[in-house]
């Protein structure tokens, strides 16, 4: 069993069709079928069920596919390492990133551009998605690096996790918002408008709502989303109070869409919970990054440092203590 057989098998599984793989890999369909039968014979079990609508994995094939996917990724990395030793800075590097302003329109493009300038033959694959969507690709070897929020989903002995900066949450409104004219913003002011926020910021909204109930105030129904773009757009186009990660909020502020609410204007700000999202990079523990992967990782760190993401002078809400309702 060799690398080519594994690559053919993986391609057939992912394309769902022998004919599609035959065309894509420029191999005759009889030769492809023979290669797959030979592999099944070597393993002593059937890997694929063939039917009029294509192929599907058997239970043995499913186990084998997951291993084969990782092995083919390792072969790719070996080829890249050898090319690097030969002085050919080619190869391929793949990065997954959680979506949102500041990451995919600032940090990642700047980091990639710097590496690309020094490695003109290097191929890049950049994927956007949630950590839940991208983690399987990282485990399978399809992604070299994942740039994401470092929450419970990215913990484990098989993952190498490095925090780059702590992403603070901030309050934002559109530039014509009535609250900006107030020298002091009360709890009643905060509950008079709808809030739009990410799931990670729900603790802050809940604290405001709990305090409002204690003062017999009724909060308007909130808007919760997993999309930074949705929250930013709702704030820009309405009187919603938004809660955004500071890096995403800065991009929006610079674009003129929204502005910050200075926390010192909020009379009850001392009793609000303080929220932080650590942002960082993740890669598989059992797999060393290729030289190209290491170069991209260094470039991401450099961009984050130059943008001073840890030291931005933005009014922030951080998770350093919890709300006391007594």
C-alpha atoms as a PDB file:
ATOM      1  CA  UNK A   1       0.000   0.000   0.000  1.00  0.00           C
ATOM      2  CA  UNK A   2       1.536   3.327  -1.031  1.00  0.00           C
ATOM      3  CA  UNK A   3       0.812   7.040  -0.869  1.00  0.00           C
ATOM      4  CA  UNK A   4      -0.851   7.120  -4.271  1.00  0.00           C
ATOM      5  CA  UNK A   5      -3.341   4.409  -3.294  1.00  0.00           C
ATOM      6  CA  UNK A   6      -4.248   6.302  -0.135  1.00  0.00           C
ATOM      7  CA  UNK A   7      -4.713   9.567  -2.020  1.00  0.00           C
ATOM      8  CA  UNK A   8      -6.966   7.871  -4.563  1.00  0.00           C
ATOM      9  CA  UNK A   9      -9.068   6.274  -1.837  1.00  0.00           C
ATOM     10  CA  UNK A  10      -9.450   9.577   0.040  1.00  0.00           C
ATOM     11  CA  UNK A  11     -10.417  11.391  -3.160  1.00  0.00           C
ATOM     12  CA  UNK A  12     -13.049   8.777  -4.028  1.00  0.00           C
ATOM     13  CA  UNK A  13     -14.587   9.081  -0.562  1.00  0.00           C
ATOM     14  CA  UNK A  14     -14.695  12.870  -0.698  1.00  0.00           C
ATOM     15  CA  UNK A  15     -15.943  13.091  -4.277  1.00  0.00           C
ATOM     16  CA  UNK A  16     -18.424  10.262  -3.758  1.00  0.00           C
ATOM     17  CA  UNK A  17     -17.757   8.954  -7.248  1.00  0.00           C
ATOM     18  CA  UNK A  18     -15.130   6.861  -9.018  1.00  0.00           C
ATOM     19  CA  UNK A  19     -15.751   8.726 -12.267  1.00  0.00           C
ATOM     20  CA  UNK A  20     -15.128  12.140 -10.685  1.00  0.00           C
ATOM     21  CA  UNK A  21     -11.905  10.954  -9.079  1.00  0.00           C
ATOM     22  CA  UNK A  22     -10.882   9.310 -12.360  1.00  0.00           C
ATOM     23  CA  UNK A  23     -11.221  12.624 -14.200  1.00  0.00           C
ATOM     24  CA  UNK A  24      -9.632  14.700 -11.450  1.00  0.00           C
ATOM     25  CA  UNK A  25      -6.578  12.478 -10.972  1.00  0.00           C
ATOM     26  CA  UNK A  26      -6.247  11.632 -14.665  1.00  0.00           C
ATOM     27  CA  UNK A  27      -6.455   7.868 -14.160  1.00  0.00           C
ATOM     28  CA  UNK A  28      -8.683   5.429 -16.022  1.00  0.00           C
ATOM     29  CA  UNK A  29     -11.679   4.184 -14.081  1.00  0.00           C
ATOM     30  CA  UNK A  30     -10.685   0.494 -14.468  1.00  0.00           C
ATOM     31  CA  UNK A  31      -7.222   1.287 -13.081  1.00  0.00           C
ATOM     32  CA  UNK A  32      -8.773   3.210 -10.181  1.00  0.00           C
ATOM     33  CA  UNK A  33     -11.147   0.333  -9.391  1.00  0.00           C
ATOM     34  CA  UNK A  34      -8.230  -2.106  -9.470  1.00  0.00           C
ATOM     35  CA  UNK A  35      -6.253   0.094  -7.068  1.00  0.00           C
ATOM     36  CA  UNK A  36      -9.159   0.173  -4.605  1.00  0.00           C
ATOM     37  CA  UNK A  37      -9.731  -3.600  -4.835  1.00  0.00           C
ATOM     38  CA  UNK A  38      -6.039  -4.198  -4.220  1.00  0.00           C
ATOM     39  CA  UNK A  39      -6.208  -2.049  -1.090  1.00  0.00           C
ATOM     40  CA  UNK A  40      -9.265  -3.913   0.157  1.00  0.00           C
ATOM     41  CA  UNK A  41      -7.483  -7.188  -0.511  1.00  0.00           C
ATOM     42  CA  UNK A  42      -4.436  -6.076   1.470  1.00  0.00           C
ATOM     43  CA  UNK A  43      -6.654  -5.107   4.409  1.00  0.00           C
ATOM     44  CA  UNK A  44      -8.865  -8.159   4.109  1.00  0.00           C
ATOM     45  CA  UNK A  45     -12.088  -6.184   4.308  1.00  0.00           C
ATOM     46  CA  UNK A  46     -14.465  -4.161   2.150  1.00  0.00           C
ATOM     47  CA  UNK A  47     -14.018  -0.399   2.443  1.00  0.00           C
ATOM     48  CA  UNK A  48     -16.574   0.951  -0.047  1.00  0.00           C
ATOM     49  CA  UNK A  49     -20.104   0.074  -1.085  1.00  0.00           C
ATOM     50  CA  UNK A  50     -20.571   0.819  -4.771  1.00  0.00           C
ATOM     51  CA  UNK A  51     -24.021   1.736  -6.079  1.00  0.00           C
ATOM     52  CA  UNK A  52     -25.819   3.614  -8.879  1.00  0.00           C
ATOM     53  CA  UNK A  53     -25.605   6.860  -6.896  1.00  0.00           C
ATOM     54  CA  UNK A  54     -21.898   6.580  -6.170  1.00  0.00           C
ATOM     55  CA  UNK A  55     -19.900   5.081  -3.325  1.00  0.00           C
ATOM     56  CA  UNK A  56     -20.276   5.155   0.433  1.00  0.00           C
ATOM     57  CA  UNK A  57     -18.069   3.933   3.228  1.00  0.00           C
ATOM     58  CA  UNK A  58     -18.577   0.694   5.098  1.00  0.00           C
ATOM     59  CA  UNK A  59     -17.998   0.797   8.866  1.00  0.00           C
ATOM     60  CA  UNK A  60     -14.465  -0.505   8.217  1.00  0.00           C
ATOM     61  CA  UNK A  61     -13.979   2.066   5.468  1.00  0.00           C
ATOM     62  CA  UNK A  62     -15.013   4.876   7.795  1.00  0.00           C
ATOM     63  CA  UNK A  63     -12.272   3.968  10.275  1.00  0.00           C
ATOM     64  CA  UNK A  64      -9.724   3.549   7.495  1.00  0.00           C
ATOM     65  CA  UNK A  65     -10.694   6.858   5.850  1.00  0.00           C
ATOM     66  CA  UNK A  66     -10.005   8.867   9.012  1.00  0.00           C
ATOM     67  CA  UNK A  67      -6.541   7.313   9.315  1.00  0.00           C
ATOM     68  CA  UNK A  68      -5.821   7.636   5.612  1.00  0.00           C
ATOM     69  CA  UNK A  69      -6.763  11.334   5.684  1.00  0.00           C
ATOM     70  CA  UNK A  70      -4.207  12.003   8.413  1.00  0.00           C
ATOM     71  CA  UNK A  71      -1.526   9.926   6.652  1.00  0.00           C
ATOM     72  CA  UNK A  72      -1.931  11.764   3.338  1.00  0.00           C
ATOM     73  CA  UNK A  73      -1.623  15.066   5.207  1.00  0.00           C
ATOM     74  CA  UNK A  74       1.604  13.820   6.781  1.00  0.00           C
ATOM     75  CA  UNK A  75       2.938  12.845   3.358  1.00  0.00           C
ATOM     76  CA  UNK A  76       2.251  16.395   2.185  1.00  0.00           C
ATOM     77  CA  UNK A  77       4.169  17.807   5.127  1.00  0.00           C
ATOM     78  CA  UNK A  78       7.100  15.475   4.495  1.00  0.00           C
ATOM     79  CA  UNK A  79       7.321  16.667   0.886  1.00  0.00           C
ATOM     80  CA  UNK A  80       7.243  20.273   2.071  1.00  0.00           C
ATOM     81  CA  UNK A  81      10.029  19.610   4.600  1.00  0.00           C
ATOM     82  CA  UNK A  82      12.204  17.992   1.931  1.00  0.00           C
ATOM     83  CA  UNK A  83      11.595  20.888  -0.481  1.00  0.00           C
ATOM     84  CA  UNK A  84      12.614  23.292   2.273  1.00  0.00           C
ATOM     85  CA  UNK A  85      15.894  21.427   2.835  1.00  0.00           C
ATOM     86  CA  UNK A  86      16.548  21.585  -0.906  1.00  0.00           C
ATOM     87  CA  UNK A  87      16.086  25.334  -0.817  1.00  0.00           C
ATOM     88  CA  UNK A  88      12.775  25.264  -2.678  1.00  0.00           C
ATOM     89  CA  UNK A  89      10.373  27.365  -0.579  1.00  0.00           C
ATOM     90  CA  UNK A  90       7.278  25.916  -2.205  1.00  0.00           C
ATOM     91  CA  UNK A  91       4.790  23.620  -0.502  1.00  0.00           C
ATOM     92  CA  UNK A  92       1.403  24.377   0.962  1.00  0.00           C
ATOM     93  CA  UNK A  93       0.109  25.855   4.206  1.00  0.00           C
ATOM     94  CA  UNK A  94      -3.495  25.869   5.398  1.00  0.00           C
ATOM     95  CA  UNK A  95      -5.015  28.162   8.007  1.00  0.00           C
ATOM     96  CA  UNK A  96      -8.475  28.147   9.540  1.00  0.00           C
ATOM     97  CA  UNK A  97      -9.840  31.294  11.160  1.00  0.00           C
ATOM     98  CA  UNK A  98     -13.027  32.203  12.944  1.00  0.00           C
ATOM     99  CA  UNK A  99     -14.896  34.898  10.998  1.00  0.00           C
ATOM    100  CA  UNK A 100     -15.307  38.497  11.998  1.00  0.00           C
ATOM    101  CA  UNK A 101     -13.950  41.980  11.318  1.00  0.00           C
ATOM    102  CA  UNK A 102     -10.356  42.349  12.446  1.00  0.00           C
ATOM    103  CA  UNK A 103      -9.347  38.731  11.849  1.00  0.00           C
ATOM    104  CA  UNK A 104     -10.084  37.950   8.214  1.00  0.00           C
ATOM    105  CA  UNK A 105      -9.843  41.525   6.981  1.00  0.00           C
ATOM    106  CA  UNK A 106      -6.770  42.616   8.934  1.00  0.00           C
ATOM    107  CA  UNK A 107      -4.670  40.130  10.915  1.00  0.00           C
ATOM    108  CA  UNK A 108      -4.784  37.144   8.560  1.00  0.00           C
ATOM    109  CA  UNK A 109      -4.368  39.074   5.252  1.00  0.00           C
ATOM    110  CA  UNK A 110      -1.412  41.056   6.632  1.00  0.00           C
ATOM    111  CA  UNK A 111       0.251  37.894   7.966  1.00  0.00           C
ATOM    112  CA  UNK A 112      -0.306  35.935   4.753  1.00  0.00           C
ATOM    113  CA  UNK A 113       0.933  38.794   2.542  1.00  0.00           C
ATOM    114  CA  UNK A 114       4.254  38.933   4.391  1.00  0.00           C
ATOM    115  CA  UNK A 115       4.886  35.215   4.039  1.00  0.00           C
ATOM    116  CA  UNK A 116       3.753  35.223   0.402  1.00  0.00           C
ATOM    117  CA  UNK A 117       6.221  37.993  -0.437  1.00  0.00           C
ATOM    118  CA  UNK A 118       9.124  35.869   0.810  1.00  0.00           C
ATOM    119  CA  UNK A 119       7.840  32.532  -0.569  1.00  0.00           C
ATOM    120  CA  UNK A 120       6.478  33.153  -4.083  1.00  0.00           C
ATOM    121  CA  UNK A 121       5.913  29.426  -4.786  1.00  0.00           C
ATOM    122  CA  UNK A 122       4.055  28.679  -1.552  1.00  0.00           C
ATOM    123  CA  UNK A 123       0.371  27.768  -1.909  1.00  0.00           C
ATOM    124  CA  UNK A 124      -2.111  28.999   0.714  1.00  0.00           C
ATOM    125  CA  UNK A 125      -5.506  27.701   1.769  1.00  0.00           C
ATOM    126  CA  UNK A 126      -7.485  29.980   4.106  1.00  0.00           C
ATOM    127  CA  UNK A 127     -10.761  28.651   5.512  1.00  0.00           C
ATOM    128  CA  UNK A 128     -13.340  30.575   7.511  1.00  0.00           C
ATOM    129  CA  UNK A 129     -15.744  28.986   9.977  1.00  0.00           C
ATOM    130  CA  UNK A 130     -16.545  28.394  13.617  1.00  0.00           C
ATOM    131  CA  UNK A 131     -14.107  26.440  15.753  1.00  0.00           C
ATOM    132  CA  UNK A 132     -16.640  23.612  15.826  1.00  0.00           C
ATOM    133  CA  UNK A 133     -16.543  23.467  12.016  1.00  0.00           C
ATOM    134  CA  UNK A 134     -12.774  23.801  11.699  1.00  0.00           C
ATOM    135  CA  UNK A 135     -11.508  21.560  14.505  1.00  0.00           C
ATOM    136  CA  UNK A 136     -12.226  18.281  12.642  1.00  0.00           C
ATOM    137  CA  UNK A 137     -10.124  19.552   9.722  1.00  0.00           C
ATOM    138  CA  UNK A 138      -7.299  20.373  12.130  1.00  0.00           C
ATOM    139  CA  UNK A 139      -7.435  16.888  13.652  1.00  0.00           C
ATOM    140  CA  UNK A 140      -7.478  15.257  10.201  1.00  0.00           C
ATOM    141  CA  UNK A 141      -4.486  17.275   9.025  1.00  0.00           C
ATOM    142  CA  UNK A 142      -6.375  19.377   6.470  1.00  0.00           C
ATOM    143  CA  UNK A 143      -5.507  22.496   8.477  1.00  0.00           C
ATOM    144  CA  UNK A 144      -2.046  23.306   9.801  1.00  0.00           C
ATOM    145  CA  UNK A 145      -3.105  26.146  12.101  1.00  0.00           C
ATOM    146  CA  UNK A 146      -6.382  27.339  13.596  1.00  0.00           C
ATOM    147  CA  UNK A 147      -6.726  30.984  14.677  1.00  0.00           C
ATOM    148  CA  UNK A 148      -9.730  31.177  16.976  1.00  0.00           C
ATOM    149  CA  UNK A 149     -11.308  31.963  20.322  1.00  0.00           C
ATOM    150  CA  UNK A 150      -9.654  29.727  22.914  1.00  0.00           C
ATOM    151  CA  UNK A 151     -12.671  28.263  24.674  1.00  0.00           C
ATOM    152  CA  UNK A 152     -13.444  24.804  26.068  1.00  0.00           C
ATOM    153  CA  UNK A 153     -13.708  23.331  22.567  1.00  0.00           C
ATOM    154  CA  UNK A 154     -10.006  23.805  21.819  1.00  0.00           C
ATOM    155  CA  UNK A 155      -8.628  22.124  24.915  1.00  0.00           C
ATOM    156  CA  UNK A 156      -7.111  18.661  25.056  1.00  0.00           C
ATOM    157  CA  UNK A 157      -3.827  16.745  25.110  1.00  0.00           C
ATOM    158  CA  UNK A 158      -3.830  16.451  21.306  1.00  0.00           C
ATOM    159  CA  UNK A 159      -3.852  20.222  20.765  1.00  0.00           C
ATOM    160  CA  UNK A 160      -1.051  22.758  21.149  1.00  0.00           C
ATOM    161  CA  UNK A 161      -2.700  26.026  22.214  1.00  0.00           C
ATOM    162  CA  UNK A 162      -1.021  29.433  22.417  1.00  0.00           C
ATOM    163  CA  UNK A 163      -2.761  32.608  23.566  1.00  0.00           C
ATOM    164  CA  UNK A 164      -1.867  35.674  21.479  1.00  0.00           C
ATOM    165  CA  UNK A 165      -4.024  38.322  23.112  1.00  0.00           C
ATOM    166  CA  UNK A 166      -7.070  38.772  25.305  1.00  0.00           C
ATOM    167  CA  UNK A 167      -9.985  40.083  23.349  1.00  0.00           C
ATOM    168  CA  UNK A 168     -12.048  42.412  25.520  1.00  0.00           C
ATOM    169  CA  UNK A 169     -15.692  43.153  24.902  1.00  0.00           C
ATOM    170  CA  UNK A 170     -16.820  46.754  24.417  1.00  0.00           C
ATOM    171  CA  UNK A 171     -20.152  48.546  24.094  1.00  0.00           C
ATOM    172  CA  UNK A 172     -20.860  50.255  20.764  1.00  0.00           C
ATOM    173  CA  UNK A 173     -23.676  52.320  19.264  1.00  0.00           C
ATOM    174  CA  UNK A 174     -24.202  54.157  16.009  1.00  0.00           C
ATOM    175  CA  UNK A 175     -22.784  57.663  15.778  1.00  0.00           C
ATOM    176  CA  UNK A 176     -26.217  59.312  16.051  1.00  0.00           C
ATOM    177  CA  UNK A 177     -27.329  57.362  19.114  1.00  0.00           C
ATOM    178  CA  UNK A 178     -29.221  59.344  21.812  1.00  0.00           C
ATOM    179  CA  UNK A 179     -27.012  57.918  24.581  1.00  0.00           C
ATOM    180  CA  UNK A 180     -23.959  59.775  23.250  1.00  0.00           C
ATOM    181  CA  UNK A 181     -25.453  63.107  24.248  1.00  0.00           C
ATOM    182  CA  UNK A 182     -25.718  62.058  27.925  1.00  0.00           C
ATOM    183  CA  UNK A 183     -22.965  62.924  30.374  1.00  0.00           C
ATOM    184  CA  UNK A 184     -24.070  59.986  32.559  1.00  0.00           C
ATOM    185  CA  UNK A 185     -25.796  56.820  31.332  1.00  0.00           C
ATOM    186  CA  UNK A 186     -28.066  55.112  33.838  1.00  0.00           C
ATOM    187  CA  UNK A 187     -29.373  51.567  34.020  1.00  0.00           C
ATOM    188  CA  UNK A 188     -32.737  52.832  32.830  1.00  0.00           C
ATOM    189  CA  UNK A 189     -30.997  54.289  29.772  1.00  0.00           C
ATOM    190  CA  UNK A 190     -29.340  50.948  28.989  1.00  0.00           C
ATOM    191  CA  UNK A 191     -32.595  49.013  29.213  1.00  0.00           C
ATOM    192  CA  UNK A 192     -34.499  51.493  27.034  1.00  0.00           C
ATOM    193  CA  UNK A 193     -32.841  50.099  23.912  1.00  0.00           C
ATOM    194  CA  UNK A 194     -32.498  46.637  22.446  1.00  0.00           C
ATOM    195  CA  UNK A 195     -29.125  44.943  22.824  1.00  0.00           C
ATOM    196  CA  UNK A 196     -27.365  42.947  20.099  1.00  0.00           C
ATOM    197  CA  UNK A 197     -24.499  40.702  21.156  1.00  0.00           C
ATOM    198  CA  UNK A 198     -22.551  37.525  20.573  1.00  0.00           C
ATOM    199  CA  UNK A 199     -23.253  34.426  22.621  1.00  0.00           C
ATOM    200  CA  UNK A 200     -19.986  34.938  24.508  1.00  0.00           C
ATOM    201  CA  UNK A 201     -21.301  38.268  25.792  1.00  0.00           C
ATOM    202  CA  UNK A 202     -24.649  36.970  27.070  1.00  0.00           C
ATOM    203  CA  UNK A 203     -23.372  37.095  30.667  1.00  0.00           C
ATOM    204  CA  UNK A 204     -23.137  40.876  30.444  1.00  0.00           C
ATOM    205  CA  UNK A 205     -26.668  41.229  29.068  1.00  0.00           C
ATOM    206  CA  UNK A 206     -28.022  38.875  31.731  1.00  0.00           C
ATOM    207  CA  UNK A 207     -26.392  40.954  34.479  1.00  0.00           C
ATOM    208  CA  UNK A 208     -27.979  44.149  33.149  1.00  0.00           C
ATOM    209  CA  UNK A 209     -31.346  42.426  32.864  1.00  0.00           C
ATOM    210  CA  UNK A 210     -31.117  41.016  36.414  1.00  0.00           C
ATOM    211  CA  UNK A 211     -30.294  44.423  37.886  1.00  0.00           C
ATOM    212  CA  UNK A 212     -33.110  46.000  35.859  1.00  0.00           C
ATOM    213  CA  UNK A 213     -35.614  43.546  37.330  1.00  0.00           C
ATOM    214  CA  UNK A 214     -34.445  44.425  40.832  1.00  0.00           C
ATOM    215  CA  UNK A 215     -35.327  48.045  40.026  1.00  0.00           C
ATOM    216  CA  UNK A 216     -38.680  47.120  38.428  1.00  0.00           C
ATOM    217  CA  UNK A 217     -37.381  48.011  34.964  1.00  0.00           C
ATOM    218  CA  UNK A 218     -38.366  46.041  31.878  1.00  0.00           C
ATOM    219  CA  UNK A 219     -35.631  45.291  29.349  1.00  0.00           C
ATOM    220  CA  UNK A 220     -36.408  45.088  25.650  1.00  0.00           C
ATOM    221  CA  UNK A 221     -35.883  41.695  24.033  1.00  0.00           C
ATOM    222  CA  UNK A 222     -32.222  41.174  23.094  1.00  0.00           C
ATOM    223  CA  UNK A 223     -30.757  39.954  19.792  1.00  0.00           C
ATOM    224  CA  UNK A 224     -28.171  37.209  20.176  1.00  0.00           C
ATOM    225  CA  UNK A 225     -26.118  35.959  17.244  1.00  0.00           C
ATOM    226  CA  UNK A 226     -22.966  34.028  16.410  1.00  0.00           C
ATOM    227  CA  UNK A 227     -22.122  36.608  13.728  1.00  0.00           C
ATOM    228  CA  UNK A 228     -20.005  39.689  14.386  1.00  0.00           C
ATOM    229  CA  UNK A 229     -21.182  41.088  11.055  1.00  0.00           C
ATOM    230  CA  UNK A 230     -24.847  40.833  12.095  1.00  0.00           C
ATOM    231  CA  UNK A 231     -24.257  42.583  15.424  1.00  0.00           C
ATOM    232  CA  UNK A 232     -22.205  45.336  13.814  1.00  0.00           C
ATOM    233  CA  UNK A 233     -24.808  45.884  11.081  1.00  0.00           C
ATOM    234  CA  UNK A 234     -27.727  46.006  13.526  1.00  0.00           C
ATOM    235  CA  UNK A 235     -25.891  48.596  15.615  1.00  0.00           C
ATOM    236  CA  UNK A 236     -25.005  50.707  12.582  1.00  0.00           C
ATOM    237  CA  UNK A 237     -28.573  50.667  11.210  1.00  0.00           C
ATOM    238  CA  UNK A 238     -30.604  51.010  14.407  1.00  0.00           C
ATOM    239  CA  UNK A 239     -30.528  52.267  17.992  1.00  0.00           C
ATOM    240  CA  UNK A 240     -29.381  48.888  19.324  1.00  0.00           C
ATOM    241  CA  UNK A 241     -26.633  48.805  21.927  1.00  0.00           C
ATOM    242  CA  UNK A 242     -24.019  46.365  20.685  1.00  0.00           C
ATOM    243  CA  UNK A 243     -21.473  44.260  22.515  1.00  0.00           C
ATOM    244  CA  UNK A 244     -18.516  43.409  20.282  1.00  0.00           C
ATOM    245  CA  UNK A 245     -14.998  42.062  20.666  1.00  0.00           C
ATOM    246  CA  UNK A 246     -12.631  45.022  20.837  1.00  0.00           C
ATOM    247  CA  UNK A 247     -10.648  44.071  17.699  1.00  0.00           C
ATOM    248  CA  UNK A 248     -13.891  43.830  15.687  1.00  0.00           C
ATOM    249  CA  UNK A 249     -15.263  47.017  17.205  1.00  0.00           C
ATOM    250  CA  UNK A 250     -12.128  48.981  16.311  1.00  0.00           C
ATOM    251  CA  UNK A 251     -12.429  48.015  12.663  1.00  0.00           C
ATOM    252  CA  UNK A 252     -16.049  49.184  12.686  1.00  0.00           C
ATOM    253  CA  UNK A 253     -15.190  52.422  14.500  1.00  0.00           C
ATOM    254  CA  UNK A 254     -12.416  53.203  12.024  1.00  0.00           C
ATOM    255  CA  UNK A 255     -14.856  52.605   9.166  1.00  0.00           C
ATOM    256  CA  UNK A 256     -17.182  55.204  10.682  1.00  0.00           C
ATOM    257  CA  UNK A 257     -20.075  52.804  11.227  1.00  0.00           C
ATOM    258  CA  UNK A 258     -20.206  52.834  15.034  1.00  0.00           C
ATOM    259  CA  UNK A 259     -18.560  54.387  18.061  1.00  0.00           C
ATOM    260  CA  UNK A 260     -17.731  53.324  21.608  1.00  0.00           C
ATOM    261  CA  UNK A 261     -19.771  54.085  24.700  1.00  0.00           C
ATOM    262  CA  UNK A 262     -17.195  55.286  27.264  1.00  0.00           C
ATOM    263  CA  UNK A 263     -17.678  53.048  30.294  1.00  0.00           C
ATOM    264  CA  UNK A 264     -17.012  55.862  32.718  1.00  0.00           C
ATOM    265  CA  UNK A 265     -20.324  57.403  31.605  1.00  0.00           C
ATOM    266  CA  UNK A 266     -22.283  54.350  32.818  1.00  0.00           C
ATOM    267  CA  UNK A 267     -23.264  54.973  36.413  1.00  0.00           C
ATOM    268  CA  UNK A 268     -23.521  51.252  37.284  1.00  0.00           C
ATOM    269  CA  UNK A 269     -20.419  50.088  35.386  1.00  0.00           C
ATOM    270  CA  UNK A 270     -18.649  48.990  38.586  1.00  0.00           C
ATOM    271  CA  UNK A 271     -21.173  46.155  39.164  1.00  0.00           C
ATOM    272  CA  UNK A 272     -21.138  44.779  35.618  1.00  0.00           C
ATOM    273  CA  UNK A 273     -19.292  41.503  34.952  1.00  0.00           C
ATOM    274  CA  UNK A 274     -16.018  41.840  33.146  1.00  0.00           C
ATOM    275  CA  UNK A 275     -15.686  39.685  30.034  1.00  0.00           C
ATOM    276  CA  UNK A 276     -12.599  38.538  28.127  1.00  0.00           C
ATOM    277  CA  UNK A 277     -12.176  36.121  25.210  1.00  0.00           C
ATOM    278  CA  UNK A 278      -8.640  34.778  24.803  1.00  0.00           C
ATOM    279  CA  UNK A 279      -7.662  34.639  21.124  1.00  0.00           C
ATOM    280  CA  UNK A 280      -4.859  32.463  19.880  1.00  0.00           C
ATOM    281  CA  UNK A 281      -3.546  29.774  17.590  1.00  0.00           C
ATOM    282  CA  UNK A 282      -3.971  26.008  17.760  1.00  0.00           C
ATOM    283  CA  UNK A 283      -2.202  23.170  16.002  1.00  0.00           C
ATOM    284  CA  UNK A 284      -2.005  19.419  16.487  1.00  0.00           C
ATOM    285  CA  UNK A 285       0.373  18.234  19.198  1.00  0.00           C
ATOM    286  CA  UNK A 286       1.578  15.118  17.380  1.00  0.00           C
ATOM    287  CA  UNK A 287       2.495  16.969  14.177  1.00  0.00           C
ATOM    288  CA  UNK A 288       5.314  19.474  13.792  1.00  0.00           C
ATOM    289  CA  UNK A 289       4.508  22.467  11.660  1.00  0.00           C
ATOM    290  CA  UNK A 290       6.304  22.663   8.339  1.00  0.00           C
ATOM    291  CA  UNK A 291       8.750  25.564   7.848  1.00  0.00           C
ATOM    292  CA  UNK A 292       6.002  27.358   5.903  1.00  0.00           C
ATOM    293  CA  UNK A 293       3.571  26.776   8.777  1.00  0.00           C
ATOM    294  CA  UNK A 294       6.111  28.106  11.259  1.00  0.00           C
ATOM    295  CA  UNK A 295       6.660  31.166   9.050  1.00  0.00           C
ATOM    296  CA  UNK A 296       2.921  31.886   8.918  1.00  0.00           C
ATOM    297  CA  UNK A 297       2.620  31.432  12.684  1.00  0.00           C
ATOM    298  CA  UNK A 298       5.471  33.899  13.284  1.00  0.00           C
ATOM    299  CA  UNK A 299       3.880  36.340  10.874  1.00  0.00           C
ATOM    300  CA  UNK A 300       0.515  36.188  12.694  1.00  0.00           C
ATOM    301  CA  UNK A 301       2.263  36.883  16.005  1.00  0.00           C
ATOM    302  CA  UNK A 302       4.163  39.800  14.487  1.00  0.00           C
ATOM    303  CA  UNK A 303       1.000  41.388  13.075  1.00  0.00           C
ATOM    304  CA  UNK A 304      -0.802  41.036  16.421  1.00  0.00           C
ATOM    305  CA  UNK A 305       2.159  42.663  18.163  1.00  0.00           C
ATOM    306  CA  UNK A 306       2.326  45.536  15.676  1.00  0.00           C
ATOM    307  CA  UNK A 307      -1.407  46.156  16.031  1.00  0.00           C
ATOM    308  CA  UNK A 308      -0.858  46.298  19.809  1.00  0.00           C
ATOM    309  CA  UNK A 309      -3.937  44.196  20.382  1.00  0.00           C
ATOM    310  CA  UNK A 310      -3.010  43.522  24.009  1.00  0.00           C
ATOM    311  CA  UNK A 311      -2.451  47.157  24.872  1.00  0.00           C
ATOM    312  CA  UNK A 312      -5.165  48.985  22.970  1.00  0.00           C
ATOM    313  CA  UNK A 313      -6.464  51.944  24.958  1.00  0.00           C
ATOM    314  CA  UNK A 314     -10.080  50.959  24.469  1.00  0.00           C
ATOM    315  CA  UNK A 315     -12.603  51.033  27.340  1.00  0.00           C
ATOM    316  CA  UNK A 316     -13.038  47.343  28.014  1.00  0.00           C
ATOM    317  CA  UNK A 317     -15.195  44.905  29.917  1.00  0.00           C
ATOM    318  CA  UNK A 318     -13.095  42.032  31.264  1.00  0.00           C
ATOM    319  CA  UNK A 319     -13.965  38.868  33.216  1.00  0.00           C
ATOM    320  CA  UNK A 320     -12.051  39.600  36.402  1.00  0.00           C
ATOM    321  CA  UNK A 321     -14.889  39.330  38.845  1.00  0.00           C
ATOM    322  CA  UNK A 322     -18.501  38.230  38.900  1.00  0.00           C
ATOM    323  CA  UNK A 323     -21.623  40.181  39.617  1.00  0.00           C
ATOM    324  CA  UNK A 324     -22.690  40.442  43.264  1.00  0.00           C
ATOM    325  CA  UNK A 325     -26.454  40.739  43.549  1.00  0.00           C
ATOM    326  CA  UNK A 326     -26.528  41.167  47.327  1.00  0.00           C
END
